[in-house]
Amino acid sequence: MRHVLFVCRNNLCRSVMAEAILLKKVDEFALRMRVASASTVARHDGKRYDERALGELMRHDIDLFDIYHRLAHKHQLGFEVDEGRTEDEHESAGLAAMHSRFLCEDYLEAADFIFAADRKDIRLIRTTFGEEYARKVRLITTFSRRHRDEELPDPYYGGDEGFYYLFKMINESIDMWLHDECIL
């Protein structure tokens, strides 16, 4: 099973949306992948995902909580899932996953593919974890036809239109990656 990791500075908007978009495709096409996202800076560790990001995902029929809940049973989420969990424990795991997580070396080690929102995230990984892991990281837009190697803009301090544009960039980038890697 392939492990895909998305990172951005705070794990509130960009990497969350990328994780959700890929998880929707994992669920929809029965892909064998584990997907996670994390922040490269710890200042928001444990903070709930940005409601505007979750709202934009919902506008595209991506209910992240529902996806977390369903995929937790299939062991396709980035955090470890105990096979012996009850239904209530699976639901609690879904709720816990709706919060920012700080990047750790275990995530980097386990990941087959690491995608960063921008070049600063790649530099932070290089500085914190070393060149070995930084070499594994690509920009999320690496495979995009329209936005190849562009950095994802951070919509946190802007309006809803930033989240709409971000969704389009990420969705197209992930689709192209899945096709280029012959996953779809």
Foldseek 3Di string as FASTA:
>chain_A
DAEEEEEEAWQQAQRVLLQQLVLVVCVVVVFPAAYEYAHLHCPFFFPFHDPLRCVLCVVVVRNQLVSQLVCLCVQRYPDGHDNPDDSVVSSVRSVSRRGHHHDDVVSLVRHQAYEYQAVVSLVSCCVPPNPVSSVRYDHLQCQAPVQHRHHQDDCVPHDSVSSVVSSVSNNRSVVRVCVVVVVD
